[in-house]
Amino acid sequence: MIPFTFYRRFEADILAGRKTITLRHGSEADVAPGDILQVSRYEDGVFFCRLRVLAVTPVAFSALNDAHARQENMTLPELKQVIQRIYPGIEHLTCIEFTLC
């Protein structure tokens, strides 16, 4: 299993199946389809679930669309704002699609 973290604010959406992707900087996306992620909260390291990686694809920040936003359980403006806050100035992301194990 691969250790993986999410901010606490995303925990409930992940557990409810409302958040089914994560957009990451390439250095944080060393996973492949079929991998099992052992997920904990970034802030305190508390484990909260296991996820199976379904797909890993590159995506440009400028190519983000409403489908990405829905999979993140956000609006497109919210998604872009969150990404810019976490990764200021980023142009290339990796989209990791997952499901609960």
PDB file of N, CA and C in Angstrom:
ATOM      1  N   MET A   1       0.832  -1.183   0.000  1.00  0.00           N
ATOM      2  CA  MET A   1       0.000   0.000   0.000  1.00  0.00           C
ATOM      3  C   MET A   1       0.876   1.245   0.000  1.00  0.00           C
ATOM      4  N   ILE A   2       0.378   2.266  -0.640  1.00  0.00           N
ATOM      5  CA  ILE A   2       1.113   3.519  -0.788  1.00  0.00           C
ATOM      6  C   ILE A   2       0.504   4.561   0.143  1.00  0.00           C
ATOM      7  N   PRO A   3       1.316   5.174   1.014  1.00  0.00           N
ATOM      8  CA  PRO A   3       0.782   6.234   1.869  1.00  0.00           C
ATOM      9  C   PRO A   3       0.385   7.445   1.019  1.00  0.00           C
ATOM     10  N   PHE A   4      -0.727   8.082   1.362  1.00  0.00           N
ATOM     11  CA  PHE A   4      -1.248   9.206   0.583  1.00  0.00           C
ATOM     12  C   PHE A   4      -2.027  10.091   1.539  1.00  0.00           C
ATOM     13  N   THR A   5      -1.976  11.398   1.335  1.00  0.00           N
ATOM     14  CA  THR A   5      -2.685  12.301   2.232  1.00  0.00           C
ATOM     15  C   THR A   5      -3.637  13.224   1.483  1.00  0.00           C
ATOM     16  N   PHE A   6      -4.677  13.636   2.202  1.00  0.00           N
ATOM     17  CA  PHE A   6      -5.623  14.649   1.744  1.00  0.00           C
ATOM     18  C   PHE A   6      -5.842  15.619   2.894  1.00  0.00           C
ATOM     19  N   TYR A   7      -6.117  16.863   2.551  1.00  0.00           N
ATOM     20  CA  TYR A   7      -6.505  17.819   3.580  1.00  0.00           C
ATOM     21  C   TYR A   7      -7.790  17.342   4.246  1.00  0.00           C
ATOM     22  N   ARG A   8      -7.907  17.613   5.521  1.00  0.00           N
ATOM     23  CA  ARG A   8      -9.064  17.212   6.343  1.00  0.00           C
ATOM     24  C   ARG A   8     -10.382  17.620   5.688  1.00  0.00           C
ATOM     25  N   ARG A   9     -10.419  18.774   5.036  1.00  0.00           N
ATOM     26  CA  ARG A   9     -11.669  19.272   4.458  1.00  0.00           C
ATOM     27  C   ARG A   9     -12.235  18.356   3.379  1.00  0.00           C
ATOM     28  N   PHE A  10     -11.408  17.460   2.823  1.00  0.00           N
ATOM     29  CA  PHE A  10     -11.871  16.567   1.760  1.00  0.00           C
ATOM     30  C   PHE A  10     -12.312  15.195   2.269  1.00  0.00           C
ATOM     31  N   GLU A  11     -12.083  14.894   3.526  1.00  0.00           N
ATOM     32  CA  GLU A  11     -12.355  13.554   4.070  1.00  0.00           C
ATOM     33  C   GLU A  11     -13.811  13.124   3.874  1.00  0.00           C
ATOM     34  N   ALA A  12     -14.748  13.944   4.274  1.00  0.00           N
ATOM     35  CA  ALA A  12     -16.168  13.561   4.186  1.00  0.00           C
ATOM     36  C   ALA A  12     -16.588  13.326   2.735  1.00  0.00           C
ATOM     37  N   ASP A  13     -16.133  14.166   1.815  1.00  0.00           N
ATOM     38  CA  ASP A  13     -16.486  13.991   0.399  1.00  0.00           C
ATOM     39  C   ASP A  13     -15.905  12.700  -0.165  1.00  0.00           C
ATOM     40  N   ILE A  14     -14.695  12.352   0.234  1.00  0.00           N
ATOM     41  CA  ILE A  14     -14.083  11.104  -0.234  1.00  0.00           C
ATOM     42  C   ILE A  14     -14.873   9.911   0.303  1.00  0.00           C
ATOM     43  N   LEU A  15     -15.148   9.918   1.591  1.00  0.00           N
ATOM     44  CA  LEU A  15     -15.864   8.796   2.208  1.00  0.00           C
ATOM     45  C   LEU A  15     -17.281   8.636   1.667  1.00  0.00           C
ATOM     46  N   ALA A  16     -17.904   9.735   1.240  1.00  0.00           N
ATOM     47  CA  ALA A  16     -19.264   9.686   0.689  1.00  0.00           C
ATOM     48  C   ALA A  16     -19.272   9.424  -0.818  1.00  0.00           C
ATOM     49  N   GLY A  17     -18.104   9.329  -1.431  1.00  0.00           N
ATOM     50  CA  GLY A  17     -18.034   9.089  -2.873  1.00  0.00           C
ATOM     51  C   GLY A  17     -18.326  10.313  -3.717  1.00  0.00           C
ATOM     52  N   ARG A  18     -18.313  11.502  -3.116  1.00  0.00           N
ATOM     53  CA  ARG A  18     -18.566  12.733  -3.867  1.00  0.00           C
ATOM     54  C   ARG A  18     -17.303  13.273  -4.508  1.00  0.00           C
ATOM     55  N   LYS A  19     -16.153  12.925  -3.982  1.00  0.00           N
ATOM     56  CA  LYS A  19     -14.859  13.328  -4.536  1.00  0.00           C
ATOM     57  C   LYS A  19     -14.211  12.075  -5.077  1.00  0.00           C
ATOM     58  N   THR A  20     -14.012  12.026  -6.396  1.00  0.00           N
ATOM     59  CA  THR A  20     -13.500  10.810  -7.034  1.00  0.00           C
ATOM     60  C   THR A  20     -12.201  11.019  -7.809  1.00  0.00           C
ATOM     61  N   ILE A  21     -11.653  12.236  -7.745  1.00  0.00           N
ATOM     62  CA  ILE A  21     -10.342  12.506  -8.328  1.00  0.00           C
ATOM     63  C   ILE A  21      -9.570  13.416  -7.386  1.00  0.00           C
ATOM     64  N   THR A  22      -8.275  13.465  -7.614  1.00  0.00           N
ATOM     65  CA  THR A  22      -7.437  14.481  -7.005  1.00  0.00           C
ATOM     66  C   THR A  22      -6.490  14.982  -8.075  1.00  0.00           C
ATOM     67  N   LEU A  23      -6.235  16.252  -8.048  1.00  0.00           N
ATOM     68  CA  LEU A  23      -5.310  16.884  -8.988  1.00  0.00           C
ATOM     69  C   LEU A  23      -4.053  17.235  -8.220  1.00  0.00           C
ATOM     70  N   ARG A  24      -2.927  16.705  -8.674  1.00  0.00           N
ATOM     71  CA  ARG A  24      -1.674  16.843  -7.933  1.00  0.00           C
ATOM     72  C   ARG A  24      -0.542  17.307  -8.833  1.00  0.00           C
ATOM     73  N   HIS A  25       0.457  17.889  -8.198  1.00  0.00           N
ATOM     74  CA  HIS A  25       1.731  18.181  -8.856  1.00  0.00           C
ATOM     75  C   HIS A  25       2.341  16.826  -9.203  1.00  0.00           C
ATOM     76  N   GLY A  26       3.044  16.743 -10.306  1.00  0.00           N
ATOM     77  CA  GLY A  26       3.629  15.478 -10.743  1.00  0.00           C
ATOM     78  C   GLY A  26       4.481  14.786  -9.694  1.00  0.00           C
ATOM     79  N   SER A  27       5.174  15.557  -8.857  1.00  0.00           N
ATOM     80  CA  SER A  27       6.031  14.960  -7.829  1.00  0.00           C
ATOM     81  C   SER A  27       5.221  14.270  -6.730  1.00  0.00           C
ATOM     82  N   GLU A  28       3.914  14.543  -6.674  1.00  0.00           N
ATOM     83  CA  GLU A  28       3.045  13.928  -5.673  1.00  0.00           C
ATOM     84  C   GLU A  28       2.131  12.873  -6.283  1.00  0.00           C
ATOM     85  N   ALA A  29       2.444  12.457  -7.496  1.00  0.00           N
ATOM     86  CA  ALA A  29       1.525  11.567  -8.216  1.00  0.00           C
ATOM     87  C   ALA A  29       2.216  10.315  -8.730  1.00  0.00           C
ATOM     88  N   ASP A  30       3.095   9.744  -7.928  1.00  0.00           N
ATOM     89  CA  ASP A  30       3.821   8.542  -8.339  1.00  0.00           C
ATOM     90  C   ASP A  30       2.986   7.307  -8.017  1.00  0.00           C
ATOM     91  N   VAL A  31       1.869   7.181  -8.712  1.00  0.00           N
ATOM     92  CA  VAL A  31       0.964   6.053  -8.544  1.00  0.00           C
ATOM     93  C   VAL A  31       0.546   5.552  -9.917  1.00  0.00           C
ATOM     94  N   ALA A  32      -0.040   4.371  -9.958  1.00  0.00           N
ATOM     95  CA  ALA A  32      -0.474   3.764 -11.216  1.00  0.00           C
ATOM     96  C   ALA A  32      -1.827   3.097 -11.016  1.00  0.00           C
ATOM     97  N   PRO A  33      -2.585   2.915 -12.101  1.00  0.00           N
ATOM     98  CA  PRO A  33      -3.858   2.209 -11.984  1.00  0.00           C
ATOM     99  C   PRO A  33      -3.668   0.865 -11.285  1.00  0.00           C
ATOM    100  N   GLY A  34      -4.573   0.576 -10.356  1.00  0.00           N
ATOM    101  CA  GLY A  34      -4.503  -0.663  -9.584  1.00  0.00           C
ATOM    102  C   GLY A  34      -3.836  -0.508  -8.227  1.00  0.00           C
ATOM    103  N   ASP A  35      -3.046   0.554  -8.052  1.00  0.00           N
ATOM    104  CA  ASP A  35      -2.401   0.783  -6.755  1.00  0.00           C
ATOM    105  C   ASP A  35      -3.462   1.014  -5.676  1.00  0.00           C
ATOM    106  N   ILE A  36      -3.145   0.581  -4.463  1.00  0.00           N
ATOM    107  CA  ILE A  36      -3.992   0.835  -3.305  1.00  0.00           C
ATOM    108  C   ILE A  36      -3.308   1.909  -2.463  1.00  0.00           C
ATOM    109  N   LEU A  37      -4.071   2.961  -2.158  1.00  0.00           N
ATOM    110  CA  LEU A  37      -3.548   4.061  -1.364  1.00  0.00           C
ATOM    111  C   LEU A  37      -4.074   3.954   0.061  1.00  0.00           C
ATOM    112  N   GLN A  38      -3.187   4.066   1.018  1.00  0.00           N
ATOM    113  CA  GLN A  38      -3.574   4.122   2.426  1.00  0.00           C
ATOM    114  C   GLN A  38      -3.653   5.603   2.766  1.00  0.00           C
ATOM    115  N   VAL A  39      -4.871   6.095   2.959  1.00  0.00           N
ATOM    116  CA  VAL A  39      -5.114   7.529   3.016  1.00  0.00           C
ATOM    117  C   VAL A  39      -5.256   8.028   4.447  1.00  0.00           C
ATOM    118  N   SER A  40      -4.538   9.110   4.717  1.00  0.00           N
ATOM    119  CA  SER A  40      -4.646   9.772   6.007  1.00  0.00           C
ATOM    120  C   SER A  40      -4.800  11.272   5.792  1.00  0.00           C
ATOM    121  N   ARG A  41      -5.147  11.951   6.870  1.00  0.00           N
ATOM    122  CA  ARG A  41      -5.306  13.404   6.819  1.00  0.00           C
ATOM    123  C   ARG A  41      -3.931  14.059   6.859  1.00  0.00           C
ATOM    124  N   TYR A  42      -3.749  15.047   6.018  1.00  0.00           N
ATOM    125  CA  TYR A  42      -2.487  15.771   5.932  1.00  0.00           C
ATOM    126  C   TYR A  42      -2.133  16.440   7.257  1.00  0.00           C
ATOM    127  N   GLU A  43      -3.143  17.018   7.899  1.00  0.00           N
ATOM    128  CA  GLU A  43      -2.893  17.816   9.090  1.00  0.00           C
ATOM    129  C   GLU A  43      -2.417  17.015  10.291  1.00  0.00           C
ATOM    130  N   ASP A  44      -2.948  15.805  10.486  1.00  0.00           N
ATOM    131  CA  ASP A  44      -2.610  15.069  11.708  1.00  0.00           C
ATOM    132  C   ASP A  44      -2.215  13.605  11.479  1.00  0.00           C
ATOM    133  N   GLY A  45      -2.196  13.177  10.217  1.00  0.00           N
ATOM    134  CA  GLY A  45      -1.754  11.820   9.917  1.00  0.00           C
ATOM    135  C   GLY A  45      -2.723  10.714  10.268  1.00  0.00           C
ATOM    136  N   VAL A  46      -3.960  11.051  10.642  1.00  0.00           N
ATOM    137  CA  VAL A  46      -4.938  10.041  11.027  1.00  0.00           C
ATOM    138  C   VAL A  46      -5.458   9.319   9.775  1.00  0.00           C
ATOM    139  N   PHE A  47      -5.335   7.995   9.773  1.00  0.00           N
ATOM    140  CA  PHE A  47      -5.828   7.156   8.671  1.00  0.00           C
ATOM    141  C   PHE A  47      -7.344   7.252   8.596  1.00  0.00           C
ATOM    142  N   PHE A  48      -7.904   7.329   7.343  1.00  0.00           N
ATOM    143  CA  PHE A  48      -9.361   7.309   7.235  1.00  0.00           C
ATOM    144  C   PHE A  48      -9.915   6.428   6.128  1.00  0.00           C
ATOM    145  N   CYS A  49      -9.113   5.923   5.199  1.00  0.00           N
ATOM    146  CA  CYS A  49      -9.653   4.990   4.197  1.00  0.00           C
ATOM    147  C   CYS A  49      -8.547   4.432   3.313  1.00  0.00           C
ATOM    148  N   ARG A  50      -8.956   3.494   2.471  1.00  0.00           N
ATOM    149  CA  ARG A  50      -8.094   2.977   1.403  1.00  0.00           C
ATOM    150  C   ARG A  50      -8.779   3.269   0.084  1.00  0.00           C
ATOM    151  N   LEU A  51      -7.989   3.677  -0.895  1.00  0.00           N
ATOM    152  CA  LEU A  51      -8.502   3.980  -2.225  1.00  0.00           C
ATOM    153  C   LEU A  51      -7.765   3.137  -3.260  1.00  0.00           C
ATOM    154  N   ARG A  52      -8.498   2.740  -4.311  1.00  0.00           N
ATOM    155  CA  ARG A  52      -7.879   2.060  -5.453  1.00  0.00           C
ATOM    156  C   ARG A  52      -7.764   3.074  -6.585  1.00  0.00           C
ATOM    157  N   VAL A  53      -6.576   3.193  -7.156  1.00  0.00           N
ATOM    158  CA  VAL A  53      -6.342   4.105  -8.274  1.00  0.00           C
ATOM    159  C   VAL A  53      -6.928   3.482  -9.536  1.00  0.00           C
ATOM    160  N   LEU A  54      -7.786   4.236 -10.214  1.00  0.00           N
ATOM    161  CA  LEU A  54      -8.407   3.771 -11.458  1.00  0.00           C
ATOM    162  C   LEU A  54      -7.683   4.273 -12.699  1.00  0.00           C
ATOM    163  N   ALA A  55      -7.202   5.518 -12.653  1.00  0.00           N
ATOM    164  CA  ALA A  55      -6.537   6.112 -13.812  1.00  0.00           C
ATOM    165  C   ALA A  55      -5.623   7.240 -13.349  1.00  0.00           C
ATOM    166  N   VAL A  56      -4.570   7.456 -14.111  1.00  0.00           N
ATOM    167  CA  VAL A  56      -3.631   8.542 -13.851  1.00  0.00           C
ATOM    168  C   VAL A  56      -3.360   9.217 -15.195  1.00  0.00           C
ATOM    169  N   THR A  57      -3.754  10.492 -15.314  1.00  0.00           N
ATOM    170  CA  THR A  57      -3.609  11.196 -16.590  1.00  0.00           C
ATOM    171  C   THR A  57      -3.108  12.619 -16.372  1.00  0.00           C
ATOM    172  N   PRO A  58      -2.278  13.114 -17.281  1.00  0.00           N
ATOM    173  CA  PRO A  58      -1.846  14.512 -17.182  1.00  0.00           C
ATOM    174  C   PRO A  58      -2.985  15.434 -17.613  1.00  0.00           C
ATOM    175  N   VAL A  59      -3.026  16.623 -17.025  1.00  0.00           N
ATOM    176  CA  VAL A  59      -4.018  17.629 -17.415  1.00  0.00           C
ATOM    177  C   VAL A  59      -3.405  19.013 -17.185  1.00  0.00           C
ATOM    178  N   ALA A  60      -3.586  19.886 -18.156  1.00  0.00           N
ATOM    179  CA  ALA A  60      -3.121  21.265 -18.016  1.00  0.00           C
ATOM    180  C   ALA A  60      -4.109  22.048 -17.154  1.00  0.00           C
ATOM    181  N   PHE A  61      -3.607  22.971 -16.364  1.00  0.00           N
ATOM    182  CA  PHE A  61      -4.479  23.807 -15.548  1.00  0.00           C
ATOM    183  C   PHE A  61      -5.515  24.492 -16.438  1.00  0.00           C
ATOM    184  N   SER A  62      -5.092  24.970 -17.594  1.00  0.00           N
ATOM    185  CA  SER A  62      -6.000  25.671 -18.513  1.00  0.00           C
ATOM    186  C   SER A  62      -7.062  24.754 -19.105  1.00  0.00           C
ATOM    187  N   ALA A  63      -6.863  23.437 -19.049  1.00  0.00           N
ATOM    188  CA  ALA A  63      -7.812  22.473 -19.617  1.00  0.00           C
ATOM    189  C   ALA A  63      -8.809  21.948 -18.582  1.00  0.00           C
ATOM    190  N   LEU A  64      -8.694  22.384 -17.335  1.00  0.00           N
ATOM    191  CA  LEU A  64      -9.658  21.942 -16.326  1.00  0.00           C
ATOM    192  C   LEU A  64     -11.051  22.386 -16.740  1.00  0.00           C
ATOM    193  N   ASN A  65     -12.031  21.511 -16.496  1.00  0.00           N
ATOM    194  CA  ASN A  65     -13.391  21.805 -16.955  1.00  0.00           C
ATOM    195  C   ASN A  65     -14.408  21.416 -15.886  1.00  0.00           C
ATOM    196  N   ASP A  66     -15.679  21.573 -16.230  1.00  0.00           N
ATOM    197  CA  ASP A  66     -16.746  21.283 -15.268  1.00  0.00           C
ATOM    198  C   ASP A  66     -16.759  19.815 -14.825  1.00  0.00           C
ATOM    199  N   ALA A  67     -16.356  18.909 -15.699  1.00  0.00           N
ATOM    200  CA  ALA A  67     -16.307  17.491 -15.312  1.00  0.00           C
ATOM    201  C   ALA A  67     -15.285  17.283 -14.190  1.00  0.00           C
ATOM    202  N   HIS A  68     -14.112  17.899 -14.313  1.00  0.00           N
ATOM    203  CA  HIS A  68     -13.121  17.804 -13.236  1.00  0.00           C
ATOM    204  C   HIS A  68     -13.698  18.377 -11.944  1.00  0.00           C
ATOM    205  N   ALA A  69     -14.348  19.524 -12.058  1.00  0.00           N
ATOM    206  CA  ALA A  69     -14.912  20.174 -10.875  1.00  0.00           C
ATOM    207  C   ALA A  69     -15.955  19.282 -10.204  1.00  0.00           C
ATOM    208  N   ARG A  70     -16.833  18.664 -10.997  1.00  0.00           N
ATOM    209  CA  ARG A  70     -17.845  17.765 -10.419  1.00  0.00           C
ATOM    210  C   ARG A  70     -17.184  16.599  -9.699  1.00  0.00           C
ATOM    211  N   GLN A  71     -16.132  16.039 -10.287  1.00  0.00           N
ATOM    212  CA  GLN A  71     -15.436  14.913  -9.665  1.00  0.00           C
ATOM    213  C   GLN A  71     -14.714  15.334  -8.380  1.00  0.00           C
ATOM    214  N   GLU A  72     -14.434  16.615  -8.254  1.00  0.00           N
ATOM    215  CA  GLU A  72     -13.827  17.150  -7.030  1.00  0.00           C
ATOM    216  C   GLU A  72     -14.894  17.669  -6.064  1.00  0.00           C
ATOM    217  N   ASN A  73     -16.168  17.591  -6.472  1.00  0.00           N
ATOM    218  CA  ASN A  73     -17.298  18.094  -5.695  1.00  0.00           C
ATOM    219  C   ASN A  73     -17.160  19.601  -5.433  1.00  0.00           C
ATOM    220  N   MET A  74     -16.845  20.337  -6.504  1.00  0.00           N
ATOM    221  CA  MET A  74     -16.699  21.791  -6.448  1.00  0.00           C
ATOM    222  C   MET A  74     -17.222  22.393  -7.746  1.00  0.00           C
ATOM    223  N   THR A  75     -17.325  23.713  -7.747  1.00  0.00           N
ATOM    224  CA  THR A  75     -17.547  24.420  -9.009  1.00  0.00           C
ATOM    225  C   THR A  75     -16.182  24.627  -9.651  1.00  0.00           C
ATOM    226  N   LEU A  76     -16.159  24.913 -10.947  1.00  0.00           N
ATOM    227  CA  LEU A  76     -14.880  25.130 -11.627  1.00  0.00           C
ATOM    228  C   LEU A  76     -14.108  26.313 -11.024  1.00  0.00           C
ATOM    229  N   PRO A  77     -14.758  27.462 -10.755  1.00  0.00           N
ATOM    230  CA  PRO A  77     -14.006  28.547 -10.116  1.00  0.00           C
ATOM    231  C   PRO A  77     -13.428  28.153  -8.753  1.00  0.00           C
ATOM    232  N   GLU A  78     -14.192  27.399  -7.955  1.00  0.00           N
ATOM    233  CA  GLU A  78     -13.680  26.940  -6.659  1.00  0.00           C
ATOM    234  C   GLU A  78     -12.470  26.037  -6.846  1.00  0.00           C
ATOM    235  N   LEU A  79     -12.576  25.095  -7.793  1.00  0.00           N
ATOM    236  CA  LEU A  79     -11.478  24.163  -8.049  1.00  0.00           C
ATOM    237  C   LEU A  79     -10.208  24.912  -8.435  1.00  0.00           C
ATOM    238  N   LYS A  80     -10.335  25.848  -9.366  1.00  0.00           N
ATOM    239  CA  LYS A  80      -9.149  26.593  -9.804  1.00  0.00           C
ATOM    240  C   LYS A  80      -8.555  27.418  -8.666  1.00  0.00           C
ATOM    241  N   GLN A  81      -9.402  27.968  -7.820  1.00  0.00           N
ATOM    242  CA  GLN A  81      -8.917  28.747  -6.690  1.00  0.00           C
ATOM    243  C   GLN A  81      -8.156  27.862  -5.693  1.00  0.00           C
ATOM    244  N   VAL A  82      -8.709  26.691  -5.401  1.00  0.00           N
ATOM    245  CA  VAL A  82      -8.048  25.761  -4.477  1.00  0.00           C
ATOM    246  C   VAL A  82      -6.696  25.328  -5.035  1.00  0.00           C
ATOM    247  N   ILE A  83      -6.658  24.982  -6.315  1.00  0.00           N
ATOM    248  CA  ILE A  83      -5.397  24.540  -6.916  1.00  0.00           C
ATOM    249  C   ILE A  83      -4.361  25.650  -6.879  1.00  0.00           C
ATOM    250  N   GLN A  84      -4.767  26.869  -7.209  1.00  0.00           N
ATOM    251  CA  GLN A  84      -3.823  27.991  -7.185  1.00  0.00           C
ATOM    252  C   GLN A  84      -3.315  28.281  -5.769  1.00  0.00           C
ATOM    253  N   ARG A  85      -4.156  28.044  -4.773  1.00  0.00           N
ATOM    254  CA  ARG A  85      -3.730  28.253  -3.382  1.00  0.00           C
ATOM    255  C   ARG A  85      -2.701  27.195  -2.984  1.00  0.00           C
ATOM    256  N   ILE A  86      -2.930  25.947  -3.401  1.00  0.00           N
ATOM    257  CA  ILE A  86      -2.022  24.852  -3.032  1.00  0.00           C
ATOM    258  C   ILE A  86      -0.757  24.862  -3.889  1.00  0.00           C
ATOM    259  N   TYR A  87      -0.913  25.114  -5.191  1.00  0.00           N
ATOM    260  CA  TYR A  87       0.195  25.083  -6.147  1.00  0.00           C
ATOM    261  C   TYR A  87       0.239  26.393  -6.933  1.00  0.00           C
ATOM    262  N   PRO A  88       0.686  27.479  -6.335  1.00  0.00           N
ATOM    263  CA  PRO A  88       0.688  28.765  -7.042  1.00  0.00           C
ATOM    264  C   PRO A  88       1.439  28.700  -8.381  1.00  0.00           C
ATOM    265  N   GLY A  89       0.779  29.169  -9.434  1.00  0.00           N
ATOM    266  CA  GLY A  89       1.404  29.248 -10.748  1.00  0.00           C
ATOM    267  C   GLY A  89       1.548  27.941 -11.505  1.00  0.00           C
ATOM    268  N   ILE A  90       1.004  26.855 -10.998  1.00  0.00           N
ATOM    269  CA  ILE A  90       1.170  25.559 -11.665  1.00  0.00           C
ATOM    270  C   ILE A  90       0.454  25.545 -13.016  1.00  0.00           C
ATOM    271  N   GLU A  91       1.083  24.926 -13.995  1.00  0.00           N
ATOM    272  CA  GLU A  91       0.489  24.815 -15.328  1.00  0.00           C
ATOM    273  C   GLU A  91       0.142  23.382 -15.690  1.00  0.00           C
ATOM    274  N   HIS A  92       0.866  22.415 -15.124  1.00  0.00           N
ATOM    275  CA  HIS A  92       0.655  21.003 -15.462  1.00  0.00           C
ATOM    276  C   HIS A  92       0.371  20.214 -14.192  1.00  0.00           C
ATOM    277  N   LEU A  93      -0.708  19.452 -14.240  1.00  0.00           N
ATOM    278  CA  LEU A  93      -1.150  18.641 -13.108  1.00  0.00           C
ATOM    279  C   LEU A  93      -1.280  17.192 -13.520  1.00  0.00           C
ATOM    280  N   THR A  94      -1.419  16.337 -12.531  1.00  0.00           N
ATOM    281  CA  THR A  94      -1.739  14.941 -12.767  1.00  0.00           C
ATOM    282  C   THR A  94      -3.092  14.663 -12.111  1.00  0.00           C
ATOM    283  N   CYS A  95      -3.999  14.096 -12.884  1.00  0.00           N
ATOM    284  CA  CYS A  95      -5.323  13.738 -12.385  1.00  0.00           C
ATOM    285  C   CYS A  95      -5.294  12.266 -11.985  1.00  0.00           C
ATOM    286  N   ILE A  96      -5.586  12.015 -10.716  1.00  0.00           N
ATOM    287  CA  ILE A  96      -5.638  10.650 -10.197  1.00  0.00           C
ATOM    288  C   ILE A  96      -7.105  10.341  -9.904  1.00  0.00           C
ATOM    289  N   GLU A  97      -7.668   9.397 -10.654  1.00  0.00           N
ATOM    290  CA  GLU A  97      -9.043   8.966 -10.430  1.00  0.00           C
ATOM    291  C   GLU A  97      -9.023   7.765  -9.499  1.00  0.00           C
ATOM    292  N   PHE A  98      -9.941   7.741  -8.525  1.00  0.00           N
ATOM    293  CA  PHE A  98      -9.917   6.672  -7.529  1.00  0.00           C
ATOM    294  C   PHE A  98     -11.331   6.259  -7.123  1.00  0.00           C
ATOM    295  N   THR A  99     -11.377   5.115  -6.430  1.00  0.00           N
ATOM    296  CA  THR A  99     -12.618   4.635  -5.823  1.00  0.00           C
ATOM    297  C   THR A  99     -12.269   4.077  -4.441  1.00  0.00           C
ATOM    298  N   LEU A 100     -13.241   4.092  -3.554  1.00  0.00           N
ATOM    299  CA  LEU A 100     -13.045   3.506  -2.238  1.00  0.00           C
ATOM    300  C   LEU A 100     -12.873   1.996  -2.347  1.00  0.00           C
ATOM    301  N   CYS A 101     -11.998   1.447  -1.557  1.00  0.00           N
ATOM    302  CA  CYS A 101     -11.821  -0.012  -1.515  1.00  0.00           C
ATOM    303  C   CYS A 101     -12.844  -0.624  -0.585  1.00  0.00           C
TER     304      CYS A 101
END
